Protein backbone atom coordinates (compact mmCIF):
# COMPACT_ATOMS: atom_id res chain seq x y z
CA UNK A 1 142.54 128.74 -81.40
CA UNK A 2 145.26 130.52 -83.43
CA UNK A 3 143.52 133.86 -82.84
CA UNK A 4 143.53 133.22 -79.09
CA UNK A 5 147.27 132.44 -79.14
CA UNK A 6 147.99 135.60 -81.15
CA UNK A 7 145.87 137.66 -78.73
CA UNK A 8 147.72 136.23 -75.71
CA UNK A 9 151.11 136.89 -77.34
CA UNK A 10 150.12 140.48 -78.08
CA UNK A 11 148.91 140.90 -74.50
CA UNK A 12 152.22 139.57 -73.14
CA UNK A 13 154.21 141.85 -75.47
CA UNK A 14 152.13 144.85 -74.40
CA UNK A 15 152.63 144.08 -70.70
CA UNK A 16 156.38 143.62 -71.21
CA UNK A 17 156.60 146.92 -73.10
CA UNK A 18 154.66 148.73 -70.37
CA UNK A 19 156.89 147.23 -67.65
CA UNK A 20 160.10 148.20 -69.49
CA UNK A 21 158.84 151.74 -70.14
CA UNK A 22 157.91 152.16 -66.47
CA UNK A 23 161.35 150.92 -65.37
CA UNK A 24 163.09 153.41 -67.66
CA UNK A 25 160.92 156.21 -66.29
CA UNK A 26 161.72 155.10 -62.75
CA UNK A 27 165.48 155.29 -63.45
CA UNK A 28 165.25 158.84 -64.80
CA UNK A 29 163.09 159.92 -61.87
CA UNK A 30 165.61 158.59 -59.35
CA UNK A 31 168.58 160.13 -61.19
CA UNK A 32 166.62 163.39 -61.75
CA UNK A 33 167.62 163.46 -65.41
CA UNK A 34 164.97 166.00 -66.38
CA UNK A 35 165.00 165.68 -70.16
CA UNK A 36 165.10 161.87 -70.18
CA UNK A 37 162.31 161.83 -67.60
CA UNK A 38 160.14 164.00 -69.83
CA UNK A 39 161.03 161.92 -72.90
CA UNK A 40 160.01 158.73 -71.09
CA UNK A 41 156.86 160.13 -69.49
CA UNK A 42 153.72 158.57 -71.09
CA UNK A 43 152.25 160.36 -74.10
CA UNK A 44 148.82 158.70 -74.21
CA UNK A 45 146.08 157.79 -71.74
CA UNK A 46 146.62 154.04 -72.18
CA UNK A 47 150.36 154.35 -71.55
CA UNK A 48 149.71 156.59 -68.55
CA UNK A 49 147.32 154.06 -67.03
CA UNK A 50 149.67 151.14 -67.82
CA UNK A 51 152.36 152.95 -65.84
CA UNK A 52 150.54 154.59 -62.93
CA UNK A 53 147.03 153.13 -62.84
CA UNK A 54 145.23 150.05 -61.59
CA UNK A 55 145.46 146.95 -63.82
CA UNK A 56 141.80 145.94 -64.23
CA UNK A 57 142.59 142.67 -66.03
CA UNK A 58 145.12 141.41 -63.48
CA UNK A 59 143.34 143.03 -60.51
CA UNK A 60 146.56 144.59 -59.20
CA UNK A 61 148.44 147.91 -59.33
CA UNK A 62 150.80 148.73 -62.17
CA UNK A 63 154.50 149.29 -61.47
CA UNK A 64 154.47 152.95 -60.38
CA UNK A 65 150.95 152.99 -58.89
CA UNK A 66 152.01 153.66 -55.29
CA UNK A 67 154.29 156.60 -56.16
CA UNK A 68 152.22 158.04 -59.00
CA UNK A 69 151.56 161.41 -57.37
CA UNK A 70 155.30 162.10 -56.95
CA UNK A 71 155.94 161.41 -60.65
CA UNK A 72 152.96 163.51 -61.74
CA UNK A 73 154.03 166.42 -59.51
CA UNK A 74 157.56 166.26 -60.92
CA UNK A 75 156.27 166.17 -64.50
CA UNK A 76 154.02 169.23 -64.07
CA UNK A 77 156.82 171.08 -62.27
CA UNK A 78 159.22 170.47 -65.17
CA UNK A 79 156.84 171.35 -68.02
CA UNK A 80 156.31 174.80 -66.50
CA UNK A 81 159.99 175.60 -67.11
CA UNK A 82 160.43 177.66 -70.31
CA UNK A 83 162.99 175.23 -71.77
CA UNK A 84 160.60 172.28 -71.30
CA UNK A 85 157.22 173.80 -72.19
CA UNK A 86 157.21 171.82 -75.45
CA UNK A 87 156.38 168.77 -73.29
CA UNK A 88 153.08 170.36 -72.23
CA UNK A 89 151.70 168.72 -75.35
CA UNK A 90 151.88 165.39 -73.47
CA UNK A 91 149.22 166.69 -71.06
CA UNK A 92 146.83 167.04 -73.99
CA UNK A 93 147.79 163.64 -75.44
CA UNK A 94 147.16 161.91 -72.10
CA UNK A 95 143.80 163.67 -71.74
CA UNK A 96 142.60 162.58 -75.20
CA UNK A 97 140.55 159.35 -74.83
CA UNK A 98 140.97 159.66 -71.07
CA UNK A 99 138.36 158.50 -68.57
CA UNK A 100 138.25 159.53 -64.92
CA UNK A 101 139.39 156.99 -62.34
CA UNK A 102 140.46 157.33 -58.74
CA UNK A 103 144.09 157.67 -57.69
CA UNK A 104 146.62 158.50 -60.47
CA UNK A 105 144.15 159.46 -63.22
CA UNK A 106 142.11 161.55 -60.81
CA UNK A 107 145.25 163.26 -59.52
CA UNK A 108 146.42 163.98 -63.08
CA UNK A 109 143.01 165.54 -63.78
CA UNK A 110 143.40 167.84 -60.76
CA UNK A 111 146.79 169.01 -62.08
CA UNK A 112 145.20 169.52 -65.51
CA UNK A 113 142.51 171.75 -63.96
CA UNK A 114 145.21 173.80 -62.22
CA UNK A 115 147.32 174.37 -65.34
CA UNK A 116 144.23 175.44 -67.31
CA UNK A 117 143.51 178.05 -64.62
CA UNK A 118 147.05 179.40 -64.33
CA UNK A 119 148.90 178.93 -67.63
CA UNK A 120 147.78 180.92 -70.67
CA UNK A 121 150.41 179.33 -72.93
CA UNK A 122 148.99 175.88 -72.25
CA UNK A 123 145.46 177.08 -73.02
CA UNK A 124 146.70 178.37 -76.40
CA UNK A 125 147.98 174.86 -77.21
CA UNK A 126 144.38 173.63 -77.36
CA UNK A 127 143.83 175.64 -80.53
CA UNK A 128 146.40 173.49 -82.35
CA UNK A 129 144.48 170.20 -82.09
CA UNK A 130 141.62 169.02 -84.30
CA UNK A 131 137.90 169.00 -83.48
CA UNK A 132 137.75 165.34 -82.45
CA UNK A 133 140.73 165.76 -80.11
CA UNK A 134 139.27 168.94 -78.60
CA UNK A 135 136.02 167.10 -77.90
CA UNK A 136 137.89 164.18 -76.29
CA UNK A 137 140.09 166.54 -74.25
CA UNK A 138 137.12 168.40 -72.73
CA UNK A 139 135.29 165.15 -72.06
CA UNK A 140 138.19 164.07 -69.88
CA UNK A 141 138.45 167.51 -68.28
CA UNK A 142 134.78 167.44 -67.18
CA UNK A 143 134.57 163.70 -66.42
CA UNK A 144 133.76 163.21 -62.73
CA UNK A 145 131.16 161.77 -60.38
CA UNK A 146 129.63 165.24 -59.95
CA UNK A 147 129.57 166.84 -63.40
CA UNK A 148 130.40 170.52 -62.93
CA UNK A 149 131.41 173.52 -65.08
CA UNK A 150 134.08 175.61 -63.26
CA UNK A 151 133.44 179.37 -63.41
CA UNK A 152 137.12 180.10 -64.06
CA UNK A 153 136.79 178.69 -67.59
CA UNK A 154 134.77 181.79 -68.46
CA UNK A 155 137.83 183.97 -67.81
CA UNK A 156 140.74 181.82 -69.07
CA UNK A 157 139.29 180.62 -72.40
CA UNK A 158 138.77 182.71 -75.50
CA UNK A 159 135.25 182.97 -76.90
CA UNK A 160 135.63 180.17 -79.47
CA UNK A 161 137.20 177.64 -77.07
CA UNK A 162 134.70 178.58 -74.33
CA UNK A 163 131.82 177.78 -76.71
CA UNK A 164 133.38 174.43 -77.60
CA UNK A 165 133.96 173.51 -73.96
CA UNK A 166 130.43 174.56 -72.98
CA UNK A 167 128.94 172.55 -75.85
CA UNK A 168 130.79 169.39 -74.73
CA UNK A 169 129.74 170.00 -71.12
CA UNK A 170 126.06 170.38 -72.04
CA UNK A 171 126.22 167.24 -74.16
CA UNK A 172 127.74 165.27 -71.27
CA UNK A 173 125.03 166.55 -68.92
CA UNK A 174 122.35 165.39 -71.33
CA UNK A 175 124.01 161.97 -71.70
CA UNK A 176 124.29 161.61 -67.94
CA UNK A 177 120.65 162.49 -67.45
CA UNK A 178 119.61 159.93 -70.09
CA UNK A 179 121.88 157.22 -68.69
CA UNK A 180 119.65 154.26 -67.62
CA UNK A 181 121.45 154.12 -64.28
CA UNK A 182 120.65 157.76 -63.51
CA UNK A 183 117.08 157.46 -64.80
CA UNK A 184 116.64 154.42 -62.56
CA UNK A 185 118.10 156.32 -59.60
CA UNK A 186 115.72 159.25 -60.16
CA UNK A 187 112.76 156.88 -60.37
CA UNK A 188 113.74 154.82 -57.32
CA UNK A 189 114.86 157.67 -55.04
CA UNK A 190 112.33 159.81 -53.22
CA UNK A 191 112.52 163.59 -53.65
CA UNK A 192 110.58 166.34 -51.93
CA UNK A 193 110.00 170.08 -52.18
CA UNK A 194 111.95 172.23 -49.76
CA UNK A 195 111.16 175.96 -49.50
CA UNK A 196 111.44 178.23 -46.44
CA UNK A 197 108.26 180.06 -47.57
CA UNK A 198 106.30 176.82 -47.20
CA UNK A 199 105.61 176.32 -50.90
CA UNK A 200 107.04 176.78 -54.41
CA UNK A 201 105.46 177.04 -57.85
CA UNK A 202 105.28 174.36 -60.52
CA UNK A 203 105.84 176.21 -63.80
CA UNK A 204 105.19 175.47 -67.48
CA UNK A 205 108.68 176.56 -68.60
CA UNK A 206 112.28 176.77 -67.41
CA UNK A 207 112.12 180.27 -65.94
CA UNK A 208 110.46 182.21 -63.13
CA UNK A 209 108.26 184.19 -65.55
CA UNK A 210 106.53 181.19 -67.10
CA UNK A 211 102.96 180.17 -66.33
CA UNK A 212 102.23 178.70 -62.88
CA UNK A 213 100.63 175.25 -63.18
CA UNK A 214 100.27 174.42 -59.50
CA UNK A 215 101.55 175.15 -56.01
CA UNK A 216 103.82 172.59 -54.34
CA UNK A 217 103.92 172.50 -50.56
CA UNK A 218 107.25 172.21 -48.77
CA UNK A 219 107.74 168.53 -47.86
CA UNK A 220 105.54 167.31 -50.74
CA UNK A 221 106.94 164.21 -52.44
CA UNK A 222 107.66 164.52 -56.18
CA UNK A 223 109.02 162.41 -59.05
CA UNK A 224 111.97 163.61 -61.15
CA UNK A 225 111.40 163.34 -64.92
CA UNK A 226 114.50 165.24 -66.12
CA UNK A 227 117.35 166.75 -64.10
CA UNK A 228 119.07 168.98 -66.69
CA UNK A 229 120.36 172.51 -66.00
CA UNK A 230 118.89 174.57 -63.14
CA UNK A 231 115.21 173.87 -63.86
CA UNK A 232 114.16 170.24 -63.36
CA UNK A 233 111.10 168.65 -64.90
CA UNK A 234 109.04 166.96 -62.18
CA UNK A 235 105.67 165.34 -61.57
CA UNK A 236 103.59 166.06 -58.47
CA UNK A 237 101.25 163.75 -56.56
CA UNK A 238 98.36 164.76 -58.87
CA UNK A 239 100.35 163.64 -61.97
CA UNK A 240 100.87 167.23 -63.13
CA UNK A 241 104.22 167.82 -64.84
CA UNK A 242 106.21 171.04 -64.99
CA UNK A 243 109.45 172.73 -63.95
CA UNK A 244 110.89 173.62 -60.54
CA UNK A 245 114.25 175.23 -59.79
CA UNK A 246 116.64 172.58 -58.48
CA UNK A 247 117.36 174.66 -55.34
CA UNK A 248 113.80 173.85 -54.21
CA UNK A 249 114.26 170.07 -54.58
CA UNK A 250 115.71 167.87 -51.89
CA UNK A 251 116.46 164.15 -51.69
CA UNK A 252 114.43 162.64 -48.85
CA UNK A 253 116.62 162.08 -45.83
CA UNK A 254 116.44 158.28 -45.75
CA UNK A 255 117.29 158.02 -49.46
CA UNK A 256 120.15 160.49 -49.05
CA UNK A 257 121.67 158.25 -46.38
CA UNK A 258 121.52 155.20 -48.66
CA UNK A 259 122.95 157.20 -51.57
CA UNK A 260 125.81 158.56 -49.44
CA UNK A 261 126.63 155.06 -48.17
CA UNK A 262 126.76 153.61 -51.68
CA UNK A 263 128.97 156.47 -52.87
CA UNK A 264 131.36 155.99 -49.94
CA UNK A 265 131.81 152.28 -50.74
CA UNK A 266 132.09 152.97 -54.49
CA UNK A 267 134.85 155.52 -53.81
CA UNK A 268 136.70 153.02 -51.62
CA UNK A 269 136.76 150.54 -54.49
CA UNK A 270 137.96 153.22 -56.89
CA UNK A 271 140.86 153.95 -54.54
CA UNK A 272 142.05 150.35 -54.82
CA UNK A 273 140.38 148.91 -51.70
CA UNK A 274 139.10 145.35 -52.07
CA UNK A 275 136.40 143.58 -50.07
CA UNK A 276 138.34 140.87 -48.17
CA UNK A 277 135.70 139.89 -45.61
CA UNK A 278 131.94 140.31 -45.42
CA UNK A 279 129.72 138.93 -42.66
CA UNK A 280 125.98 139.16 -42.18
CA UNK A 281 124.65 139.77 -38.70
CA UNK A 282 121.79 141.39 -36.79
CA UNK A 283 123.44 143.87 -34.45
CA UNK A 284 120.27 145.88 -33.76
CA UNK A 285 118.16 142.71 -33.30
CA UNK A 286 115.43 143.77 -35.76
CA UNK A 287 115.49 140.49 -37.75
CA UNK A 288 116.89 142.35 -40.79
CA UNK A 289 120.42 141.58 -41.96
CA UNK A 290 123.18 144.03 -41.07
CA UNK A 291 126.70 143.74 -42.51
CA UNK A 292 130.28 144.05 -41.36
CA UNK A 293 132.72 144.47 -44.26
CA UNK A 294 136.51 144.75 -44.19
CA UNK A 295 138.24 146.48 -47.11
CA UNK A 296 141.97 146.32 -47.76
CA UNK A 297 144.50 147.72 -50.21
CA UNK A 298 147.13 145.41 -51.76
CA UNK A 299 150.91 145.46 -52.01
CA UNK A 300 152.30 146.62 -55.32
CA UNK A 301 154.38 144.02 -57.18
CA UNK A 302 157.72 145.70 -56.53
CA UNK A 303 157.03 147.76 -53.45
CA UNK A 304 159.63 148.68 -50.84
CA UNK A 305 159.80 147.39 -47.29
CA UNK A 306 157.94 150.57 -46.24
CA UNK A 307 154.91 149.60 -48.33
CA UNK A 308 151.84 148.56 -46.34
CA UNK A 309 148.27 147.36 -46.63
CA UNK A 310 145.61 149.65 -45.21
CA UNK A 311 142.28 148.41 -43.83
CA UNK A 312 138.85 149.96 -43.34
CA UNK A 313 136.12 148.32 -41.26
CA UNK A 314 132.58 149.23 -42.36
CA UNK A 315 129.43 148.40 -40.41
CA UNK A 316 126.06 148.74 -42.15
CA UNK A 317 123.10 148.81 -39.76
CA UNK A 318 119.85 149.61 -41.54
CA UNK A 319 120.48 152.86 -43.45
CA UNK A 320 123.44 153.83 -41.25
CA UNK A 321 127.08 153.33 -42.21
CA UNK A 322 129.84 153.34 -39.59
CA UNK A 323 133.45 153.16 -40.77
CA UNK A 324 136.96 153.36 -39.31
CA UNK A 325 140.42 152.94 -40.87
CA UNK A 326 142.28 152.91 -37.54
CA UNK A 327 140.95 149.69 -36.00
CA UNK A 328 143.13 147.26 -37.96
CA UNK A 329 146.81 148.15 -37.95
CA UNK A 330 148.59 148.84 -41.22
CA UNK A 331 150.25 145.65 -42.40
CA UNK A 332 153.89 146.14 -43.42
CA UNK A 333 155.93 143.65 -45.43
CA UNK A 334 158.28 142.92 -42.53
CA UNK A 335 155.39 141.86 -40.29
CA UNK A 336 156.17 138.26 -39.23
CA UNK A 337 152.56 137.58 -38.16
CA UNK A 338 149.28 137.27 -40.06
CA UNK A 339 147.96 140.78 -39.40
CA UNK A 340 144.17 141.01 -39.63
CA UNK A 341 142.67 137.61 -38.88
CA UNK A 342 138.88 137.60 -38.47
CA UNK A 343 135.75 139.22 -37.04
CA UNK A 344 133.65 137.23 -34.59
CA UNK A 345 130.01 138.23 -33.98
CA UNK A 346 127.53 137.35 -31.23
CA UNK A 347 124.21 139.16 -30.79
CA UNK A 348 125.00 142.91 -30.66
CA UNK A 349 128.74 142.37 -30.04
CA UNK A 350 131.56 141.89 -32.55
CA UNK A 351 135.30 141.38 -32.07
CA UNK A 352 138.07 142.35 -34.48
CA UNK A 353 140.99 139.90 -34.25
CA UNK A 354 144.51 140.70 -35.45
CA UNK A 355 148.04 139.43 -34.86
CA UNK A 356 151.09 141.59 -35.52
CA UNK A 357 154.76 141.06 -34.84
CA UNK A 358 158.41 141.81 -35.44
CA UNK A 359 161.59 139.91 -34.65
CA UNK A 360 161.16 140.69 -30.96
CA UNK A 361 157.71 139.30 -30.39
CA UNK A 362 154.06 138.85 -31.31
CA UNK A 363 151.02 140.85 -30.18
CA UNK A 364 147.51 139.37 -30.47
CA UNK A 365 144.73 141.97 -30.20
CA UNK A 366 141.03 141.38 -29.61
CA UNK A 367 138.90 144.53 -29.88
CA UNK A 368 135.24 144.07 -28.94
CA UNK A 369 132.53 146.58 -29.81
CA UNK A 370 128.91 146.72 -28.68
CA UNK A 371 125.99 148.18 -30.61
CA UNK A 372 123.67 150.27 -28.42
CA UNK A 373 120.10 150.34 -29.71
CA UNK A 374 119.19 153.15 -27.31
CA UNK A 375 121.37 155.78 -29.01
CA UNK A 376 122.24 154.00 -32.27
CA UNK A 377 125.96 154.02 -31.46
CA UNK A 378 128.74 151.44 -31.63
CA UNK A 379 130.86 151.64 -28.49
CA UNK A 380 134.15 150.00 -27.49
CA UNK A 381 133.28 147.29 -24.96
CA UNK A 382 136.54 145.48 -24.29
CA UNK A 383 140.16 145.51 -25.43
CA UNK A 384 142.45 142.51 -24.85
CA UNK A 385 146.02 141.85 -25.93
CA UNK A 386 148.40 138.93 -25.54
CA UNK A 387 152.10 139.82 -25.80
CA UNK A 388 154.59 137.07 -26.55
CA UNK A 389 158.14 138.42 -26.19
CA UNK A 390 161.29 136.58 -27.25
CA UNK A 391 164.52 136.97 -25.32
CA UNK A 392 167.60 134.68 -25.58
CA UNK A 393 165.48 131.89 -27.05
CA UNK A 394 162.86 132.07 -24.28
CA UNK A 395 159.28 133.25 -24.66
CA UNK A 396 157.47 135.37 -22.10
CA UNK A 397 153.68 135.68 -22.52
CA UNK A 398 151.59 138.38 -20.88
CA UNK A 399 147.82 138.88 -21.11
CA UNK A 400 146.05 142.22 -20.62
CA UNK A 401 142.29 142.80 -20.44
CA UNK A 402 140.78 146.29 -20.37
CA UNK A 403 137.21 147.56 -20.10
CA UNK A 404 135.41 150.91 -20.23
CA UNK A 405 136.60 151.76 -16.72
CA UNK A 406 140.17 151.74 -18.11
CA UNK A 407 139.76 153.52 -21.45
CA UNK A 408 136.53 155.49 -20.93
CA UNK A 409 133.76 155.80 -23.50
CA UNK A 410 135.16 155.39 -27.03
CA UNK A 411 132.93 155.34 -30.09
CA UNK A 412 133.63 152.95 -32.96
CA UNK A 413 134.55 155.78 -35.35
CA UNK A 414 136.99 157.32 -32.81
CA UNK A 415 138.91 154.13 -32.00
CA UNK A 416 142.62 154.12 -32.84
CA UNK A 417 144.76 150.98 -32.56
CA UNK A 418 147.93 153.09 -32.22
CA UNK A 419 146.79 154.91 -29.07
CA UNK A 420 144.41 152.49 -27.31
CA UNK A 421 147.08 150.69 -25.25
CA UNK A 422 148.46 153.95 -23.86
CA UNK A 423 144.93 155.07 -22.92
CA UNK A 424 144.36 151.80 -21.07
CA UNK A 425 147.58 152.10 -19.05
CA UNK A 426 146.73 155.57 -17.67
């Protein structure tokens, strides 16, 4: 019990410290006191995330989350000045023990990549840190969804540092390939041979001069054993194993669709979008569940009146993903109405309901879409709005109903709540 109390006290103290540090940084950013800003800028990955990142424990953004890119841009601009280049060391300190995330961390990593490419003095700084720190630095540098070794490193790094970076990269590739999640994905996904000549060779070794074991026809389904470097170890339909250049291997089209859909949703969540509504349905009437999901961002704790929530509507029908961020209006803090309300579904129709308003009135919007099985498209079917205007204490309500003859043919992914009313009035 005592340990729990101590842990909670330490957690509170840490959160208070992070909040105070972020507030001090905010003051110096507003006043443009360059030296104090650089002094207060985080000097470790944990401090950086506590200031600009997403708070995983509290499921909310940290204090400067929404304006992180402005602070990061300002920091990198200042450290390039000759009188402030001593602060470039903070870039290394933040990178050590760093792990890629979307938003602020990802943006910081982009700036890190740029300074490595363009600033020789910064590259020299890497030689001043120890082996463990160098390893951790390059792990953060390379950490991404698609592990890649940029060619420019071959020109900007000296021989010794290039060897160290390459060694870390190769180790990370090996770890990624041996990750149970990636092994499972290779085993579950379907791959096939793709070659314009109609076939490719299955070889005993990882080069084009090694012994040919078998011929693989273009379109032939294969199993991935290892996906390291340019030559992948595979197994053909006759259980023969060997190596094929990765340029001759292609994810089967249906599996690629599923993979792309999962990656899209995963990236949404990394950008701070939360699943706020999920409904099962059967829009294509095939007796297999489809899904309509609404994702939303959240307000930061101390955001301005200009802060808003953003929404994305996703529709999953079989292997197909339809998505649109312009159906539900952005929800600002001064909105006196509820904003997004619900989605109603019947057969192959669904309606997005939202209510938005200011001090002058309320607008209820009902946007109905129809799934067409003939061409596998979602099309705008009907748009209705109810305007309730206030004037001198009185309310005046007007109802408008529009169909395809008013707005023409609009696909789900092309719909825009900001322009639809004007289109209907033409």
